[in-house]
C-alpha cells in the first residue's frame, strides 16, 4: 500500500513539473516574437506568433495522446472485466466438479 507521504511526494513532483513546464513555455513564447502566416487550401489565416503555433501544437498533441490512451485503457479494462467473469465461471465449475467427484467417492 502506498503511504500518505508517497502520495504527497507524487503530487508535489507533478506540481513542480507542471510549474517548470509552464515557466519554460512562457519563456519560449516571450523569446520568440516572430510572426508567421499560414495558407491552408487557399484560405489565409491571420498572422500568429511562431511560438504560439508551436505551443498550441504541443498542447493539442498532448490532449490527443491522452484521448487515444483513454480509449486503449477503456478497451483493456473491458477485456479484463470479461476475463475476470470467465475466470469466476470456470472457478465455480471446477468447484462444482470437485464436489461431484467427492460425492462419488463416498
PDB file of N, CA and C in Angstrom:
ATOM      1  N   UNK A   1       0.831  -1.168   0.000  1.00  0.00           N
ATOM      2  CA  UNK A   1       0.000   0.000   0.000  1.00  0.00           C
ATOM      3  C   UNK A   1       0.885   1.243   0.000  1.00  0.00           C
ATOM      4  N   UNK A   2       0.489   2.202  -0.790  1.00  0.00           N
ATOM      5  CA  UNK A   2       1.272   3.422  -0.906  1.00  0.00           C
ATOM      6  C   UNK A   2       1.026   4.283   0.326  1.00  0.00           C
ATOM      7  N   UNK A   3       2.109   4.783   0.874  1.00  0.00           N
ATOM      8  CA  UNK A   3       1.975   5.589   2.090  1.00  0.00           C
ATOM      9  C   UNK A   3       1.471   6.987   1.752  1.00  0.00           C
ATOM     10  N   UNK A   4       1.003   7.656   2.765  1.00  0.00           N
ATOM     11  CA  UNK A   4       0.498   9.011   2.613  1.00  0.00           C
ATOM     12  C   UNK A   4       1.615   9.949   2.167  1.00  0.00           C
ATOM     13  N   UNK A   5       2.821   9.717   2.686  1.00  0.00           N
ATOM     14  CA  UNK A   5       3.966  10.530   2.289  1.00  0.00           C
ATOM     15  C   UNK A   5       4.263  10.350   0.802  1.00  0.00           C
ATOM     16  N   UNK A   6       4.174   9.123   0.322  1.00  0.00           N
ATOM     17  CA  UNK A   6       4.411   8.852  -1.091  1.00  0.00           C
ATOM     18  C   UNK A   6       3.411   9.552  -1.988  1.00  0.00           C
ATOM     19  N   UNK A   7       2.162   9.591  -1.558  1.00  0.00           N
ATOM     20  CA  UNK A   7       1.124  10.264  -2.340  1.00  0.00           C
ATOM     21  C   UNK A   7       1.413  11.757  -2.413  1.00  0.00           C
ATOM     22  N   UNK A   8       1.780  12.356  -1.273  1.00  0.00           N
ATOM     23  CA  UNK A   8       2.070  13.787  -1.261  1.00  0.00           C
ATOM     24  C   UNK A   8       3.315  14.116  -2.057  1.00  0.00           C
ATOM     25  N   UNK A   9       4.329  13.239  -2.007  1.00  0.00           N
ATOM     26  CA  UNK A   9       5.535  13.465  -2.803  1.00  0.00           C
ATOM     27  C   UNK A   9       5.214  13.398  -4.296  1.00  0.00           C
ATOM     28  N   UNK A  10       4.366  12.460  -4.677  1.00  0.00           N
ATOM     29  CA  UNK A  10       3.974  12.348  -6.077  1.00  0.00           C
ATOM     30  C   UNK A  10       3.244  13.608  -6.521  1.00  0.00           C
ATOM     31  N   UNK A  11       2.321  14.101  -5.703  1.00  0.00           N
ATOM     32  CA  UNK A  11       1.598  15.329  -6.043  1.00  0.00           C
ATOM     33  C   UNK A  11       2.552  16.513  -6.120  1.00  0.00           C
ATOM     34  N   UNK A  12       3.523  16.573  -5.214  1.00  0.00           N
ATOM     35  CA  UNK A  12       4.490  17.664  -5.219  1.00  0.00           C
ATOM     36  C   UNK A  12       5.326  17.641  -6.492  1.00  0.00           C
ATOM     37  N   UNK A  13       5.806  16.460  -6.891  1.00  0.00           N
ATOM     38  CA  UNK A  13       6.590  16.348  -8.118  1.00  0.00           C
ATOM     39  C   UNK A  13       5.762  16.710  -9.347  1.00  0.00           C
ATOM     40  N   UNK A  14       4.512  16.304  -9.382  1.00  0.00           N
ATOM     41  CA  UNK A  14       3.646  16.662 -10.506  1.00  0.00           C
ATOM     42  C   UNK A  14       3.444  18.175 -10.554  1.00  0.00           C
ATOM     43  N   UNK A  15       3.211  18.789  -9.395  1.00  0.00           N
ATOM     44  CA  UNK A  15       3.032  20.237  -9.337  1.00  0.00           C
ATOM     45  C   UNK A  15       4.300  20.965  -9.771  1.00  0.00           C
ATOM     46  N   UNK A  16       5.452  20.542  -9.253  1.00  0.00           N
ATOM     47  CA  UNK A  16       6.717  21.177  -9.633  1.00  0.00           C
ATOM     48  C   UNK A  16       7.013  20.990 -11.114  1.00  0.00           C
ATOM     49  N   UNK A  17       6.736  19.815 -11.643  1.00  0.00           N
ATOM     50  CA  UNK A  17       6.939  19.572 -13.070  1.00  0.00           C
ATOM     51  C   UNK A  17       6.028  20.431 -13.928  1.00  0.00           C
ATOM     52  N   UNK A  18       4.776  20.565 -13.508  1.00  0.00           N
ATOM     53  CA  UNK A  18       3.837  21.402 -14.256  1.00  0.00           C
ATOM     54  C   UNK A  18       4.251  22.862 -14.228  1.00  0.00           C
ATOM     55  N   UNK A  19       4.662  23.345 -13.069  1.00  0.00           N
ATOM     56  CA  UNK A  19       5.109  24.733 -12.970  1.00  0.00           C
ATOM     57  C   UNK A  19       6.373  24.964 -13.797  1.00  0.00           C
ATOM     58  N   UNK A  20       7.291  24.031 -13.787  1.00  0.00           N
ATOM     59  CA  UNK A  20       8.503  24.144 -14.589  1.00  0.00           C
ATOM     60  C   UNK A  20       8.158  24.189 -16.076  1.00  0.00           C
ATOM     61  N   UNK A  21       7.262  23.328 -16.508  1.00  0.00           N
ATOM     62  CA  UNK A  21       6.836  23.315 -17.898  1.00  0.00           C
ATOM     63  C   UNK A  21       6.157  24.624 -18.281  1.00  0.00           C
ATOM     64  N   UNK A  22       5.343  25.158 -17.386  1.00  0.00           N
ATOM     65  CA  UNK A  22       4.676  26.429 -17.639  1.00  0.00           C
ATOM     66  C   UNK A  22       5.688  27.565 -17.786  1.00  0.00           C
ATOM     67  N   UNK A  23       6.684  27.610 -16.912  1.00  0.00           N
ATOM     68  CA  UNK A  23       7.715  28.647 -16.996  1.00  0.00           C
ATOM     69  C   UNK A  23       8.492  28.526 -18.303  1.00  0.00           C
ATOM     70  N   UNK A  24       8.827  27.297 -18.700  1.00  0.00           N
ATOM     71  CA  UNK A  24       9.558  27.089 -19.946  1.00  0.00           C
ATOM     72  C   UNK A  24       8.715  27.539 -21.140  1.00  0.00           C
ATOM     73  N   UNK A  25       7.427  27.205 -21.141  1.00  0.00           N
ATOM     74  CA  UNK A  25       6.570  27.594 -22.254  1.00  0.00           C
ATOM     75  C   UNK A  25       6.407  29.113 -22.345  1.00  0.00           C
ATOM     76  N   UNK A  26       6.211  29.776 -21.202  1.00  0.00           N
ATOM     77  CA  UNK A  26       6.075  31.236 -21.206  1.00  0.00           C
ATOM     78  C   UNK A  26       7.377  31.878 -21.683  1.00  0.00           C
ATOM     79  N   UNK A  27       8.508  31.375 -21.219  1.00  0.00           N
ATOM     80  CA  UNK A  27       9.804  31.888 -21.660  1.00  0.00           C
ATOM     81  C   UNK A  27       9.974  31.684 -23.170  1.00  0.00           C
ATOM     82  N   UNK A  28       9.555  30.558 -23.679  1.00  0.00           N
ATOM     83  CA  UNK A  28       9.651  30.270 -25.110  1.00  0.00           C
ATOM     84  C   UNK A  28       8.791  31.235 -25.914  1.00  0.00           C
ATOM     85  N   UNK A  29       7.588  31.512 -25.443  1.00  0.00           N
ATOM     86  CA  UNK A  29       6.691  32.429 -26.151  1.00  0.00           C
ATOM     87  C   UNK A  29       7.251  33.848 -26.138  1.00  0.00           C
ATOM     88  N   UNK A  30       7.772  34.291 -25.015  1.00  0.00           N
ATOM     89  CA  UNK A  30       8.315  35.652 -24.912  1.00  0.00           C
ATOM     90  C   UNK A  30       9.580  35.805 -25.759  1.00  0.00           C
ATOM     91  N   UNK A  31      10.402  34.767 -25.821  1.00  0.00           N
ATOM     92  CA  UNK A  31      11.675  34.851 -26.527  1.00  0.00           C
ATOM     93  C   UNK A  31      11.528  34.740 -28.044  1.00  0.00           C
ATOM     94  N   UNK A  32      10.372  34.307 -28.556  1.00  0.00           N
ATOM     95  CA  UNK A  32      10.186  34.117 -29.996  1.00  0.00           C
ATOM     96  C   UNK A  32       8.986  34.915 -30.502  1.00  0.00           C
ATOM     97  N   UNK A  33       9.166  36.209 -30.753  1.00  0.00           N
ATOM     98  CA  UNK A  33       8.031  37.040 -31.165  1.00  0.00           C
ATOM     99  C   UNK A  33       7.778  37.068 -32.680  1.00  0.00           C
ATOM    100  N   UNK A  34       8.482  36.258 -33.482  1.00  0.00           N
ATOM    101  CA  UNK A  34       8.320  36.304 -34.928  1.00  0.00           C
ATOM    102  C   UNK A  34       6.894  35.936 -35.330  1.00  0.00           C
ATOM    103  N   UNK A  35       6.379  36.658 -36.333  1.00  0.00           N
ATOM    104  CA  UNK A  35       5.042  36.377 -36.844  1.00  0.00           C
ATOM    105  C   UNK A  35       5.152  35.547 -38.113  1.00  0.00           C
ATOM    106  N   UNK A  36       4.224  34.609 -38.280  1.00  0.00           N
ATOM    107  CA  UNK A  36       4.178  33.792 -39.498  1.00  0.00           C
ATOM    108  C   UNK A  36       2.745  33.761 -40.015  1.00  0.00           C
ATOM    109  N   UNK A  37       2.606  33.551 -41.318  1.00  0.00           N
ATOM    110  CA  UNK A  37       1.296  33.457 -41.955  1.00  0.00           C
ATOM    111  C   UNK A  37       1.086  32.039 -42.438  1.00  0.00           C
ATOM    112  N   UNK A  38      -0.141  31.569 -42.342  1.00  0.00           N
ATOM    113  CA  UNK A  38      -0.491  30.244 -42.838  1.00  0.00           C
ATOM    114  C   UNK A  38      -1.485  30.380 -43.971  1.00  0.00           C
ATOM    115  N   UNK A  39      -1.258  29.607 -45.019  1.00  0.00           N
ATOM    116  CA  UNK A  39      -2.220  29.495 -46.115  1.00  0.00           C
ATOM    117  C   UNK A  39      -2.646  28.039 -46.184  1.00  0.00           C
ATOM    118  N   UNK A  40      -3.887  27.770 -45.807  1.00  0.00           N
ATOM    119  CA  UNK A  40      -4.404  26.408 -45.808  1.00  0.00           C
ATOM    120  C   UNK A  40      -5.473  26.282 -46.887  1.00  0.00           C
ATOM    121  N   UNK A  41      -5.190  25.538 -47.934  1.00  0.00           N
ATOM    122  CA  UNK A  41      -6.130  25.277 -49.020  1.00  0.00           C
ATOM    123  C   UNK A  41      -6.687  26.586 -49.586  1.00  0.00           C
ATOM    124  N   UNK A  42      -5.800  27.557 -49.765  1.00  0.00           N
ATOM    125  CA  UNK A  42      -6.217  28.823 -50.328  1.00  0.00           C
ATOM    126  C   UNK A  42      -6.802  29.804 -49.345  1.00  0.00           C
ATOM    127  N   UNK A  43      -6.976  29.412 -48.110  1.00  0.00           N
ATOM    128  CA  UNK A  43      -7.528  30.302 -47.085  1.00  0.00           C
ATOM    129  C   UNK A  43      -6.368  30.857 -46.272  1.00  0.00           C
ATOM    130  N   UNK A  44      -6.263  32.180 -46.254  1.00  0.00           N
ATOM    131  CA  UNK A  44      -5.198  32.817 -45.469  1.00  0.00           C
ATOM    132  C   UNK A  44      -5.665  33.003 -44.033  1.00  0.00           C
ATOM    133  N   UNK A  45      -4.860  32.526 -43.132  1.00  0.00           N
ATOM    134  CA  UNK A  45      -5.140  32.706 -41.715  1.00  0.00           C
ATOM    135  C   UNK A  45      -4.407  33.943 -41.227  1.00  0.00           C
ATOM    136  N   UNK A  46      -4.875  34.556 -40.145  1.00  0.00           N
ATOM    137  CA  UNK A  46      -4.172  35.738 -39.647  1.00  0.00           C
ATOM    138  C   UNK A  46      -2.772  35.371 -39.163  1.00  0.00           C
ATOM    139  N   UNK A  47      -1.921  36.387 -39.118  1.00  0.00           N
ATOM    140  CA  UNK A  47      -0.556  36.156 -38.654  1.00  0.00           C
ATOM    141  C   UNK A  47      -0.566  35.788 -37.174  1.00  0.00           C
ATOM    142  N   UNK A  48       0.235  34.780 -36.851  1.00  0.00           N
ATOM    143  CA  UNK A  48       0.355  34.309 -35.472  1.00  0.00           C
ATOM    144  C   UNK A  48       1.823  34.262 -35.095  1.00  0.00           C
ATOM    145  N   UNK A  49       2.094  34.330 -33.801  1.00  0.00           N
ATOM    146  CA  UNK A  49       3.465  34.147 -33.334  1.00  0.00           C
ATOM    147  C   UNK A  49       3.873  32.698 -33.585  1.00  0.00           C
ATOM    148  N   UNK A  50       5.090  32.514 -34.033  1.00  0.00           N
ATOM    149  CA  UNK A  50       5.593  31.168 -34.295  1.00  0.00           C
ATOM    150  C   UNK A  50       5.588  30.341 -33.012  1.00  0.00           C
ATOM    151  N   UNK A  51       5.952  30.971 -31.916  1.00  0.00           N
ATOM    152  CA  UNK A  51       5.997  30.242 -30.646  1.00  0.00           C
ATOM    153  C   UNK A  51       4.598  29.822 -30.204  1.00  0.00           C
ATOM    154  N   UNK A  52       3.593  30.646 -30.486  1.00  0.00           N
ATOM    155  CA  UNK A  52       2.220  30.286 -30.124  1.00  0.00           C
ATOM    156  C   UNK A  52       1.766  29.057 -30.905  1.00  0.00           C
ATOM    157  N   UNK A  53       2.146  29.007 -32.181  1.00  0.00           N
ATOM    158  CA  UNK A  53       1.778  27.849 -33.002  1.00  0.00           C
ATOM    159  C   UNK A  53       2.425  26.587 -32.458  1.00  0.00           C
ATOM    160  N   UNK A  54       3.680  26.686 -32.063  1.00  0.00           N
ATOM    161  CA  UNK A  54       4.389  25.520 -31.521  1.00  0.00           C
ATOM    162  C   UNK A  54       3.759  25.072 -30.204  1.00  0.00           C
ATOM    163  N   UNK A  55       3.444  26.010 -29.329  1.00  0.00           N
ATOM    164  CA  UNK A  55       2.854  25.672 -28.026  1.00  0.00           C
ATOM    165  C   UNK A  55       1.458  25.083 -28.215  1.00  0.00           C
ATOM    166  N   UNK A  56       0.659  25.662 -29.105  1.00  0.00           N
ATOM    167  CA  UNK A  56      -0.682  25.114 -29.369  1.00  0.00           C
ATOM    168  C   UNK A  56      -0.582  23.702 -29.927  1.00  0.00           C
ATOM    169  N   UNK A  57       0.379  23.479 -30.827  1.00  0.00           N
ATOM    170  CA  UNK A  57       0.577  22.127 -31.366  1.00  0.00           C
ATOM    171  C   UNK A  57       0.989  21.152 -30.270  1.00  0.00           C
ATOM    172  N   UNK A  58       1.848  21.604 -29.371  1.00  0.00           N
ATOM    173  CA  UNK A  58       2.295  20.782 -28.248  1.00  0.00           C
ATOM    174  C   UNK A  58       1.115  20.389 -27.366  1.00  0.00           C
ATOM    175  N   UNK A  59       0.273  21.366 -27.040  1.00  0.00           N
ATOM    176  CA  UNK A  59      -0.883  21.098 -26.177  1.00  0.00           C
ATOM    177  C   UNK A  59      -1.876  20.182 -26.871  1.00  0.00           C
ATOM    178  N   UNK A  60      -2.149  20.447 -28.155  1.00  0.00           N
ATOM    179  CA  UNK A  60      -3.096  19.597 -28.893  1.00  0.00           C
ATOM    180  C   UNK A  60      -2.577  18.167 -29.014  1.00  0.00           C
ATOM    181  N   UNK A  61      -1.273  18.011 -29.200  1.00  0.00           N
ATOM    182  CA  UNK A  61      -0.686  16.676 -29.249  1.00  0.00           C
ATOM    183  C   UNK A  61      -0.835  15.940 -27.928  1.00  0.00           C
ATOM    184  N   UNK A  62      -0.649  16.665 -26.829  1.00  0.00           N
ATOM    185  CA  UNK A  62      -0.821  16.059 -25.510  1.00  0.00           C
ATOM    186  C   UNK A  62      -2.250  15.618 -25.269  1.00  0.00           C
ATOM    187  N   UNK A  63      -3.198  16.482 -25.635  1.00  0.00           N
ATOM    188  CA  UNK A  63      -4.616  16.142 -25.445  1.00  0.00           C
ATOM    189  C   UNK A  63      -4.993  14.961 -26.331  1.00  0.00           C
ATOM    190  N   UNK A  64      -4.533  14.967 -27.575  1.00  0.00           N
ATOM    191  CA  UNK A  64      -4.825  13.855 -28.477  1.00  0.00           C
ATOM    192  C   UNK A  64      -4.229  12.553 -27.950  1.00  0.00           C
ATOM    193  N   UNK A  65      -3.005  12.616 -27.432  1.00  0.00           N
ATOM    194  CA  UNK A  65      -2.375  11.425 -26.856  1.00  0.00           C
ATOM    195  C   UNK A  65      -3.145  10.892 -25.665  1.00  0.00           C
ATOM    196  N   UNK A  66      -3.643  11.805 -24.808  1.00  0.00           N
ATOM    197  CA  UNK A  66      -4.445  11.375 -23.659  1.00  0.00           C
ATOM    198  C   UNK A  66      -5.746  10.712 -24.107  1.00  0.00           C
ATOM    199  N   UNK A  67      -6.392  11.273 -25.135  1.00  0.00           N
ATOM    200  CA  UNK A  67      -7.638  10.681 -25.623  1.00  0.00           C
ATOM    201  C   UNK A  67      -7.409   9.290 -26.208  1.00  0.00           C
ATOM    202  N   UNK A  68      -6.342   9.136 -26.978  1.00  0.00           N
ATOM    203  CA  UNK A  68      -6.042   7.830 -27.566  1.00  0.00           C
ATOM    204  C   UNK A  68      -5.717   6.821 -26.468  1.00  0.00           C
ATOM    205  N   UNK A  69      -4.942   7.228 -25.468  1.00  0.00           N
ATOM    206  CA  UNK A  69      -4.615   6.302 -24.382  1.00  0.00           C
ATOM    207  C   UNK A  69      -5.849   5.983 -23.541  1.00  0.00           C
ATOM    208  N   UNK A  70      -6.770   6.947 -23.404  1.00  0.00           N
ATOM    209  CA  UNK A  70      -8.010   6.691 -22.675  1.00  0.00           C
ATOM    210  C   UNK A  70      -8.837   5.617 -23.380  1.00  0.00           C
ATOM    211  N   UNK A  71      -8.899   5.694 -24.698  1.00  0.00           N
ATOM    212  CA  UNK A  71      -9.627   4.681 -25.467  1.00  0.00           C
ATOM    213  C   UNK A  71      -8.975   3.313 -25.288  1.00  0.00           C
ATOM    214  N   UNK A  72      -7.655   3.271 -25.379  1.00  0.00           N
ATOM    215  CA  UNK A  72      -6.945   1.997 -25.213  1.00  0.00           C
ATOM    216  C   UNK A  72      -7.136   1.438 -23.806  1.00  0.00           C
ATOM    217  N   UNK A  73      -7.067   2.301 -22.795  1.00  0.00           N
ATOM    218  CA  UNK A  73      -7.254   1.834 -21.419  1.00  0.00           C
ATOM    219  C   UNK A  73      -8.675   1.327 -21.187  1.00  0.00           C
ATOM    220  N   UNK A  74      -9.656   1.993 -21.784  1.00  0.00           N
ATOM    221  CA  UNK A  74     -11.040   1.539 -21.641  1.00  0.00           C
ATOM    222  C   UNK A  74     -11.217   0.161 -22.263  1.00  0.00           C
ATOM    223  N   UNK A  75     -10.651  -0.036 -23.436  1.00  0.00           N
ATOM    224  CA  UNK A  75     -10.739  -1.353 -24.079  1.00  0.00           C
ATOM    225  C   UNK A  75     -10.071  -2.429 -23.221  1.00  0.00           C
ATOM    226  N   UNK A  76      -8.915  -2.114 -22.654  1.00  0.00           N
ATOM    227  CA  UNK A  76      -8.218  -3.087 -21.813  1.00  0.00           C
ATOM    228  C   UNK A  76      -8.997  -3.400 -20.542  1.00  0.00           C
ATOM    229  N   UNK A  77      -9.613  -2.384 -19.941  1.00  0.00           N
ATOM    230  CA  UNK A  77     -10.402  -2.626 -18.729  1.00  0.00           C
ATOM    231  C   UNK A  77     -11.631  -3.476 -19.028  1.00  0.00           C
ATOM    232  N   UNK A  78     -12.267  -3.235 -20.167  1.00  0.00           N
ATOM    233  CA  UNK A  78     -13.412  -4.062 -20.549  1.00  0.00           C
ATOM    234  C   UNK A  78     -12.980  -5.506 -20.796  1.00  0.00           C
ATOM    235  N   UNK A  79     -11.847  -5.686 -21.459  1.00  0.00           N
ATOM    236  CA  UNK A  79     -11.332  -7.039 -21.686  1.00  0.00           C
ATOM    237  C   UNK A  79     -10.980  -7.704 -20.359  1.00  0.00           C
ATOM    238  N   UNK A  80     -10.380  -6.963 -19.445  1.00  0.00           N
ATOM    239  CA  UNK A  80     -10.024  -7.502 -18.137  1.00  0.00           C
ATOM    240  C   UNK A  80     -11.271  -7.926 -17.367  1.00  0.00           C
ATOM    241  N   UNK A  81     -12.329  -7.107 -17.422  1.00  0.00           N
ATOM    242  CA  UNK A  81     -13.576  -7.463 -16.733  1.00  0.00           C
ATOM    243  C   UNK A  81     -14.175  -8.722 -17.339  1.00  0.00           C
ATOM    244  N   UNK A  82     -14.113  -8.841 -18.656  1.00  0.00           N
ATOM    245  CA  UNK A  82     -14.635 -10.032 -19.321  1.00  0.00           C
ATOM    246  C   UNK A  82     -13.852 -11.278 -18.887  1.00  0.00           C
ATOM    247  N   UNK A  83     -12.521 -11.151 -18.847  1.00  0.00           N
ATOM    248  CA  UNK A  83     -11.700 -12.291 -18.425  1.00  0.00           C
ATOM    249  C   UNK A  83     -11.942 -12.644 -16.963  1.00  0.00           C
ATOM    250  N   UNK A  84     -12.178 -11.653 -16.129  1.00  0.00           N
ATOM    251  CA  UNK A  84     -12.467 -11.919 -14.718  1.00  0.00           C
ATOM    252  C   UNK A  84     -13.775 -12.686 -14.571  1.00  0.00           C
ATOM    253  N   UNK A  85     -14.794 -12.304 -15.346  1.00  0.00           N
ATOM    254  CA  UNK A  85     -16.069 -13.037 -15.294  1.00  0.00           C
ATOM    255  C   UNK A  85     -15.892 -14.469 -15.778  1.00  0.00           C
ATOM    256  N   UNK A  86     -15.132 -14.659 -16.862  1.00  0.00           N
ATOM    257  CA  UNK A  86     -14.880 -16.014 -17.358  1.00  0.00           C
ATOM    258  C   UNK A  86     -14.137 -16.850 -16.319  1.00  0.00           C
ATOM    259  N   UNK A  87     -13.156 -16.252 -15.668  1.00  0.00           N
ATOM    260  CA  UNK A  87     -12.393 -16.957 -14.650  1.00  0.00           C
ATOM    261  C   UNK A  87     -13.283 -17.344 -13.473  1.00  0.00           C
ATOM    262  N   UNK A  88     -14.159 -16.445 -13.060  1.00  0.00           N
ATOM    263  CA  UNK A  88     -15.068 -16.752 -11.957  1.00  0.00           C
ATOM    264  C   UNK A  88     -15.998 -17.908 -12.331  1.00  0.00           C
ATOM    265  N   UNK A  89     -16.503 -17.905 -13.564  1.00  0.00           N
ATOM    266  CA  UNK A  89     -17.366 -19.017 -14.001  1.00  0.00           C
ATOM    267  C   UNK A  89     -16.604 -20.330 -14.027  1.00  0.00           C
ATOM    268  N   UNK A  90     -15.378 -20.300 -14.485  1.00  0.00           N
ATOM    269  CA  UNK A  90     -14.585 -21.538 -14.544  1.00  0.00           C
ATOM    270  C   UNK A  90     -14.213 -22.023 -13.156  1.00  0.00           C
ATOM    271  N   UNK A  91     -13.909 -21.085 -12.251  1.00  0.00           N
ATOM    272  CA  UNK A  91     -13.625 -21.484 -10.867  1.00  0.00           C
ATOM    273  C   UNK A  91     -14.841 -22.132 -10.228  1.00  0.00           C
ATOM    274  N   UNK A  92     -16.023 -21.570 -10.485  1.00  0.00           N
ATOM    275  CA  UNK A  92     -17.253 -22.155  -9.948  1.00  0.00           C
ATOM    276  C   UNK A  92     -17.481 -23.544 -10.532  1.00  0.00           C
ATOM    277  N   UNK A  93     -17.202 -23.703 -11.817  1.00  0.00           N
ATOM    278  CA  UNK A  93     -17.383 -25.009 -12.454  1.00  0.00           C
ATOM    279  C   UNK A  93     -16.413 -26.036 -11.877  1.00  0.00           C
ATOM    280  N   UNK A  94     -15.173 -25.620 -11.637  1.00  0.00           N
ATOM    281  CA  UNK A  94     -14.184 -26.528 -11.058  1.00  0.00           C
ATOM    282  C   UNK A  94     -14.610 -26.953  -9.653  1.00  0.00           C
ATOM    283  N   UNK A  95     -15.090 -26.007  -8.845  1.00  0.00           N
ATOM    284  CA  UNK A  95     -15.557 -26.345  -7.504  1.00  0.00           C
ATOM    285  C   UNK A  95     -16.728 -27.318  -7.562  1.00  0.00           C
ATOM    286  N   UNK A  96     -17.616 -27.102  -8.512  1.00  0.00           N
ATOM    287  CA  UNK A  96     -18.760 -27.993  -8.670  1.00  0.00           C
ATOM    288  C   UNK A  96     -18.309 -29.396  -9.078  1.00  0.00           C
ATOM    289  N   UNK A  97     -17.353 -29.480 -10.011  1.00  0.00           N
ATOM    290  CA  UNK A  97     -16.850 -30.781 -10.440  1.00  0.00           C
ATOM    291  C   UNK A  97     -16.117 -31.499  -9.303  1.00  0.00           C
ATOM    292  N   UNK A  98     -15.375 -30.757  -8.513  1.00  0.00           N
ATOM    293  CA  UNK A  98     -14.680 -31.364  -7.370  1.00  0.00           C
ATOM    294  C   UNK A  98     -15.688 -31.885  -6.349  1.00  0.00           C
ATOM    295  N   UNK A  99     -16.723 -31.101  -6.107  1.00  0.00           N
ATOM    296  CA  UNK A  99     -17.743 -31.535  -5.149  1.00  0.00           C
ATOM    297  C   UNK A  99     -18.436 -32.800  -5.652  1.00  0.00           C
ATOM    298  N   UNK A 100     -18.742 -32.830  -6.950  1.00  0.00           N
ATOM    299  CA  UNK A 100     -19.378 -34.024  -7.523  1.00  0.00           C
ATOM    300  C   UNK A 100     -18.459 -35.231  -7.491  1.00  0.00           C
ATOM    301  N   UNK A 101     -17.174 -35.013  -7.694  1.00  0.00           N
ATOM    302  CA  UNK A 101     -16.210 -36.114  -7.654  1.00  0.00           C
ATOM    303  C   UNK A 101     -16.077 -36.667  -6.232  1.00  0.00           C
ATOM    304  N   UNK A 102     -16.102 -35.786  -5.240  1.00  0.00           N
ATOM    305  CA  UNK A 102     -16.014 -36.227  -3.855  1.00  0.00           C
ATOM    306  C   UNK A 102     -17.260 -36.973  -3.435  1.00  0.00           C
ATOM    307  N   UNK A 103     -18.439 -36.592  -3.950  1.00  0.00           N
ATOM    308  CA  UNK A 103     -19.673 -37.308  -3.637  1.00  0.00           C
ATOM    309  C   UNK A 103     -19.636 -38.710  -4.214  1.00  0.00           C
ATOM    310  N   UNK A 104     -19.007 -38.853  -5.371  1.00  0.00           N
ATOM    311  CA  UNK A 104     -18.923 -40.173  -5.998  1.00  0.00           C
ATOM    312  C   UNK A 104     -17.974 -41.105  -5.260  1.00  0.00           C
ATOM    313  N   UNK A 105     -17.032 -40.599  -4.501  1.00  0.00           N
ATOM    314  CA  UNK A 105     -16.090 -41.420  -3.764  1.00  0.00           C
ATOM    315  C   UNK A 105     -16.668 -41.967  -2.468  1.00  0.00           C
ATOM    316  N   UNK A 106     -17.677 -41.328  -1.945  1.00  0.00           N
ATOM    317  CA  UNK A 106     -18.197 -41.793  -0.666  1.00  0.00           C
ATOM    318  C   UNK A 106     -19.302 -42.800  -0.820  1.00  0.00           C
TER     319      UNK A 106
END
